[in-house]
């Protein structure tokens, strides 16, 4: 009889706990459901096995495993990407993509012209590694940069400065056989931010002499390329991987400074620049996660 009473009390407590859990779920679920409305107007492009498909941003909410409270970044382990947002707005304000960094002279040999002129090659290499979620070592980066230079010299007679269009065609398409990339006009900074918020990264040709980078050897490179991998809405800074310095990882440029420096140039050795065309190379992730 005593055992029956104990068992009855145990069942009663179990049922009470279950009722409390159900009540909490019903109470809190609308709150979280409303918070995901900020993503309702966005699409998130991601890969699964061999296919590409789109999903609404609530998919991301289900995979947010950590929050960096200091920088207010949401971290999505599944895509190795940071998202920063405010629940009071209807759009993502800031974003940070985790892109491996390498300077164009991985071991500091700036006397090798293949490396001192390798801002395009190294920017493309970082983007390729990001697209496959792959790591990048100094040894591999150096070997790749030299190999790309040899490829360009063999097929085009020069490895010096390549325009945005030729960087896409020669390095991305022909050398890496990678086609999730395109060149587009960069009429204003908002277009760059928009691409970053679509889970893409951006490479821009710039006049390095106009950039506020104290680590460049004065006066800085007149023809240069770098990777834009994030945007901080609070400081109004673009977050970059700038291969022109070993301190280029997460290097920030103010929106106005970087945008004013964007300028395409001709392919070849220090050819005259007659126009100030603002363009950007947009890179999307590959579905194939091994590289």
Protein backbone atom coordinates (compact mmCIF):
# COMPACT_ATOMS: atom_id res chain seq x y z
CA UNK A 1 0.00 0.00 0.00
CA UNK A 2 2.86 2.36 0.88
CA UNK A 3 4.55 1.67 -2.46
CA UNK A 4 1.32 2.52 -4.27
CA UNK A 5 1.06 5.87 -2.45
CA UNK A 6 4.68 6.74 -3.33
CA UNK A 7 4.10 5.76 -6.96
CA UNK A 8 0.93 7.90 -7.08
CA UNK A 9 2.78 10.91 -5.71
CA UNK A 10 5.57 10.41 -8.26
CA UNK A 11 3.06 10.31 -11.14
CA UNK A 12 1.34 13.44 -9.83
CA UNK A 13 4.63 15.36 -9.72
CA UNK A 14 5.55 14.13 -13.19
CA UNK A 15 2.24 15.29 -14.63
CA UNK A 16 2.57 18.66 -12.89
CA UNK A 17 6.05 19.15 -14.36
CA UNK A 18 4.76 18.25 -17.81
CA UNK A 19 1.90 20.76 -17.51
CA UNK A 20 4.35 23.49 -16.44
CA UNK A 21 6.63 22.78 -19.42
CA UNK A 22 3.72 22.88 -21.85
CA UNK A 23 2.52 26.16 -20.35
CA UNK A 24 5.97 27.73 -20.66
CA UNK A 25 6.23 26.59 -24.27
CA UNK A 26 2.87 28.12 -25.15
CA UNK A 27 3.77 31.31 -23.34
CA UNK A 28 7.26 31.83 -24.83
CA UNK A 29 6.78 30.50 -28.34
CA UNK A 30 4.93 33.61 -29.64
CA UNK A 31 7.78 35.79 -28.38
CA UNK A 32 10.42 33.94 -30.35
CA UNK A 33 8.10 33.58 -33.30
CA UNK A 34 7.68 37.36 -33.42
CA UNK A 35 11.41 37.91 -33.20
CA UNK A 36 11.99 35.91 -36.36
CA UNK A 37 9.80 38.33 -38.28
CA UNK A 38 12.86 40.51 -38.82
CA UNK A 39 14.08 37.92 -41.27
CA UNK A 40 10.81 37.52 -43.16
CA UNK A 41 11.83 39.71 -46.10
CA UNK A 42 15.17 38.00 -46.65
CA UNK A 43 16.30 34.82 -48.31
CA UNK A 44 19.28 32.79 -47.17
CA UNK A 45 21.16 30.86 -49.83
CA UNK A 46 22.91 27.79 -48.59
CA UNK A 47 24.07 24.41 -49.82
CA UNK A 48 23.06 20.89 -48.92
CA UNK A 49 24.97 18.07 -50.55
CA UNK A 50 24.84 18.75 -54.30
CA UNK A 51 21.92 21.16 -54.42
CA UNK A 52 21.34 24.86 -53.90
CA UNK A 53 18.09 26.08 -52.48
CA UNK A 54 16.71 29.08 -50.67
CA UNK A 55 15.11 29.32 -47.28
CA UNK A 56 13.76 32.12 -45.14
CA UNK A 57 15.98 33.51 -42.40
CA UNK A 58 14.08 31.69 -39.61
CA UNK A 59 16.22 28.73 -40.71
CA UNK A 60 19.18 30.62 -39.29
CA UNK A 61 17.48 31.16 -35.95
CA UNK A 62 17.26 27.40 -35.52
CA UNK A 63 21.03 27.10 -35.90
CA UNK A 64 22.21 29.98 -33.74
CA UNK A 65 24.36 28.19 -31.22
CA UNK A 66 26.09 31.11 -29.55
CA UNK A 67 25.91 34.86 -29.09
CA UNK A 68 28.88 37.16 -28.88
CA UNK A 69 27.37 39.67 -26.46
CA UNK A 70 30.24 42.15 -26.71
CA UNK A 71 29.98 42.63 -30.48
CA UNK A 72 26.34 41.61 -30.65
CA UNK A 73 27.03 39.00 -33.30
CA UNK A 74 24.87 35.92 -33.76
CA UNK A 75 27.03 32.98 -34.76
CA UNK A 76 25.74 30.32 -37.11
CA UNK A 77 27.97 27.28 -36.71
CA UNK A 78 26.34 25.49 -39.64
CA UNK A 79 27.53 28.12 -42.12
CA UNK A 80 30.51 29.43 -40.11
CA UNK A 81 29.10 32.94 -40.44
CA UNK A 82 28.36 35.75 -38.03
CA UNK A 83 25.12 37.72 -38.25
CA UNK A 84 24.50 40.90 -36.31
CA UNK A 85 21.02 42.33 -35.94
CA UNK A 86 18.59 44.30 -33.82
CA UNK A 87 15.22 42.76 -33.10
CA UNK A 88 13.60 46.19 -33.26
CA UNK A 89 14.31 46.65 -36.98
CA UNK A 90 13.15 44.93 -40.14
CA UNK A 91 16.55 44.18 -41.63
CA UNK A 92 20.00 42.89 -40.81
CA UNK A 93 22.23 45.87 -40.08
CA UNK A 94 25.70 44.38 -39.81
CA UNK A 95 27.34 41.18 -40.93
CA UNK A 96 30.66 39.39 -40.69
CA UNK A 97 31.81 36.49 -42.88
CA UNK A 98 34.64 34.30 -41.63
CA UNK A 99 37.17 34.42 -44.48
CA UNK A 100 40.67 32.94 -44.12
CA UNK A 101 43.39 35.57 -44.36
CA UNK A 102 46.76 35.54 -46.07
CA UNK A 103 48.98 38.47 -47.09
CA UNK A 104 50.04 38.52 -50.72
CA UNK A 105 53.63 37.90 -49.57
CA UNK A 106 52.93 35.08 -47.08
CA UNK A 107 56.49 35.00 -45.69
CA UNK A 108 57.26 38.67 -46.25
CA UNK A 109 59.27 38.31 -49.46
CA UNK A 110 58.11 41.56 -51.04
CA UNK A 111 61.14 41.57 -53.36
CA UNK A 112 59.53 38.77 -55.38
CA UNK A 113 57.42 40.67 -57.91
CA UNK A 114 55.06 37.72 -58.24
CA UNK A 115 54.16 38.28 -54.59
CA UNK A 116 54.38 42.07 -54.39
CA UNK A 117 51.96 42.18 -57.35
CA UNK A 118 49.71 39.40 -56.04
CA UNK A 119 46.86 41.34 -54.44
CA UNK A 120 44.43 39.99 -57.07
CA UNK A 121 45.71 36.43 -56.76
CA UNK A 122 45.66 36.40 -52.97
CA UNK A 123 42.22 38.06 -52.78
CA UNK A 124 40.80 35.45 -55.15
CA UNK A 125 42.50 32.67 -53.18
CA UNK A 126 40.97 33.84 -49.90
CA UNK A 127 37.54 34.03 -51.54
CA UNK A 128 37.89 30.55 -53.01
CA UNK A 129 38.83 29.08 -49.64
CA UNK A 130 35.88 30.84 -48.02
CA UNK A 131 33.53 29.50 -50.65
CA UNK A 132 34.52 25.92 -49.79
CA UNK A 133 34.80 26.49 -46.01
CA UNK A 134 38.47 25.51 -46.31
CA UNK A 135 41.55 26.54 -44.37
CA UNK A 136 44.53 28.31 -45.89
CA UNK A 137 48.13 27.88 -44.75
CA UNK A 138 51.10 30.07 -45.63
CA UNK A 139 52.78 27.23 -47.52
CA UNK A 140 49.71 26.55 -49.64
CA UNK A 141 49.10 30.26 -50.23
CA UNK A 142 52.65 30.84 -51.44
CA UNK A 143 52.52 27.83 -53.76
CA UNK A 144 49.16 28.93 -55.17
CA UNK A 145 50.21 32.54 -55.69
CA UNK A 146 53.32 31.46 -57.61
CA UNK A 147 51.34 28.94 -59.63
CA UNK A 148 48.66 31.48 -60.58
CA UNK A 149 51.40 33.92 -61.64
CA UNK A 150 52.93 31.23 -63.87
CA UNK A 151 49.50 30.47 -65.34
CA UNK A 152 48.87 34.14 -66.12
CA UNK A 153 52.31 34.67 -67.62
CA UNK A 154 51.99 31.58 -69.81
CA UNK A 155 48.49 32.37 -71.06
CA UNK A 156 48.45 36.18 -71.04
CA UNK A 157 52.09 37.23 -71.04
CA UNK A 158 51.94 38.97 -67.66
CA UNK A 159 51.00 38.39 -64.04
CA UNK A 160 50.87 42.09 -63.20
CA UNK A 161 47.70 44.01 -62.34
CA UNK A 162 44.49 42.41 -63.57
CA UNK A 163 41.22 44.32 -63.88
CA UNK A 164 38.10 43.19 -62.07
CA UNK A 165 36.75 41.49 -65.19
CA UNK A 166 40.05 39.78 -65.95
CA UNK A 167 40.44 38.69 -62.32
CA UNK A 168 37.07 36.99 -62.62
CA UNK A 169 37.85 35.45 -66.01
CA UNK A 170 41.50 34.49 -65.68
CA UNK A 171 41.83 33.60 -62.00
CA UNK A 172 38.37 32.53 -60.87
CA UNK A 173 36.99 30.99 -64.09
CA UNK A 174 40.06 29.66 -65.87
CA UNK A 175 42.55 28.89 -63.11
CA UNK A 176 40.20 27.81 -60.29
CA UNK A 177 37.38 26.68 -62.60
CA UNK A 178 35.02 28.59 -60.32
CA UNK A 179 31.94 30.31 -61.72
CA UNK A 180 29.88 31.48 -58.73
CA UNK A 181 31.35 34.92 -59.29
CA UNK A 182 30.40 38.02 -61.27
CA UNK A 183 31.42 41.64 -61.77
CA UNK A 184 28.88 44.35 -61.02
CA UNK A 185 28.84 48.14 -60.80
CA UNK A 186 29.34 49.52 -57.29
CA UNK A 187 27.39 52.74 -57.63
CA UNK A 188 27.11 53.28 -53.87
CA UNK A 189 28.19 51.64 -50.59
CA UNK A 190 24.69 50.29 -49.96
CA UNK A 191 25.04 47.91 -52.92
CA UNK A 192 28.13 46.38 -51.32
CA UNK A 193 26.37 46.00 -47.96
CA UNK A 194 23.41 44.43 -49.71
CA UNK A 195 25.62 41.76 -51.27
CA UNK A 196 27.28 41.01 -47.93
CA UNK A 197 23.85 40.48 -46.39
CA UNK A 198 23.05 37.93 -49.09
CA UNK A 199 25.78 35.65 -47.75
CA UNK A 200 28.28 36.80 -50.35
CA UNK A 201 31.66 38.46 -50.09
CA UNK A 202 32.99 41.24 -52.29
CA UNK A 203 36.38 41.95 -53.84
CA UNK A 204 37.08 45.52 -54.95
CA UNK A 205 39.84 47.14 -57.02
CA UNK A 206 41.07 50.29 -55.31
CA UNK A 207 43.54 53.11 -55.40
CA UNK A 208 45.54 52.08 -52.34
CA UNK A 209 47.05 55.54 -52.05
CA UNK A 210 43.63 56.85 -51.03
CA UNK A 211 43.12 54.26 -48.29
CA UNK A 212 43.77 55.14 -44.65
CA UNK A 213 46.16 52.26 -44.04
CA UNK A 214 49.23 53.14 -41.95
CA UNK A 215 50.86 49.79 -42.72
CA UNK A 216 51.29 50.39 -46.45
CA UNK A 217 54.74 51.45 -47.60
CA UNK A 218 54.20 55.12 -48.54
CA UNK A 219 52.59 56.28 -50.70
CA UNK A 220 50.78 52.95 -51.04
CA UNK A 221 49.84 50.87 -54.11
CA UNK A 222 48.10 52.80 -56.86
CA UNK A 223 46.50 49.57 -58.08
CA UNK A 224 45.30 47.21 -55.38
CA UNK A 225 42.59 44.63 -54.56
CA UNK A 226 41.14 43.51 -51.25
CA UNK A 227 38.33 41.39 -49.84
CA UNK A 228 35.34 43.00 -48.14
CA UNK A 229 33.91 40.43 -45.74
CA UNK A 230 31.80 42.45 -43.34
CA UNK A 231 30.05 45.65 -42.37
CA UNK A 232 29.73 47.28 -38.95
CA UNK A 233 26.74 49.58 -38.92
CA UNK A 234 27.73 51.22 -35.61
CA UNK A 235 31.14 52.45 -36.72
CA UNK A 236 30.15 52.69 -40.40
CA UNK A 237 33.21 50.61 -41.21
CA UNK A 238 33.74 47.92 -43.82
CA UNK A 239 35.60 44.90 -42.46
CA UNK A 240 38.21 43.59 -44.88
CA UNK A 241 40.96 41.09 -45.49
CA UNK A 242 43.59 43.37 -47.02
CA UNK A 243 46.44 41.28 -48.49
CA UNK A 244 48.64 44.36 -48.85
CA UNK A 245 49.88 44.00 -45.28
CA UNK A 246 50.46 41.16 -42.84
CA UNK A 247 48.20 43.13 -40.49
CA UNK A 248 45.36 43.03 -42.99
CA UNK A 249 43.11 40.50 -41.24
CA UNK A 250 39.83 42.17 -40.20
CA UNK A 251 41.27 45.54 -41.19
CA UNK A 252 38.53 48.19 -41.09
CA UNK A 253 38.06 51.10 -43.46
CA UNK A 254 35.45 53.75 -42.99
CA UNK A 255 32.64 53.53 -45.49
CA UNK A 256 33.47 56.86 -47.17
CA UNK A 257 37.21 56.19 -47.30
CA UNK A 258 36.93 52.76 -48.89
CA UNK A 259 34.20 53.71 -51.33
CA UNK A 260 36.08 56.78 -52.52
CA UNK A 261 39.13 54.57 -53.20
CA UNK A 262 37.27 52.00 -55.34
CA UNK A 263 38.55 52.28 -58.89
CA UNK A 264 39.06 49.67 -61.57
CA UNK A 265 42.28 49.55 -63.57
CA UNK A 266 43.55 47.93 -66.75
CA UNK A 267 45.32 44.60 -66.88
CA UNK A 268 49.06 44.97 -67.41
CA UNK A 269 52.06 46.66 -65.88
CA UNK A 270 51.12 50.12 -64.58
CA UNK A 271 48.97 51.02 -67.57
CA UNK A 272 47.42 54.51 -67.49
CA UNK A 273 44.06 54.79 -65.73
CA UNK A 274 41.80 57.11 -67.69
CA UNK A 275 38.48 56.39 -66.02
CA UNK A 276 37.35 55.93 -62.43
CA UNK A 277 34.97 52.99 -62.81
CA UNK A 278 33.58 51.70 -59.52
CA UNK A 279 33.02 47.96 -59.78
CA UNK A 280 33.00 44.98 -57.45
CA UNK A 281 33.58 41.25 -57.81
CA UNK A 282 30.80 39.32 -56.05
CA UNK A 283 31.63 35.81 -54.84
CA UNK A 284 29.05 33.26 -53.71
CA UNK A 285 29.64 30.05 -51.81
CA UNK A 286 30.00 26.74 -53.56
CA UNK A 287 27.72 23.82 -52.81
CA UNK A 288 30.69 21.49 -52.66
CA UNK A 289 32.23 21.78 -49.24
CA UNK A 290 35.54 19.97 -49.95
CA UNK A 291 38.40 21.65 -51.76
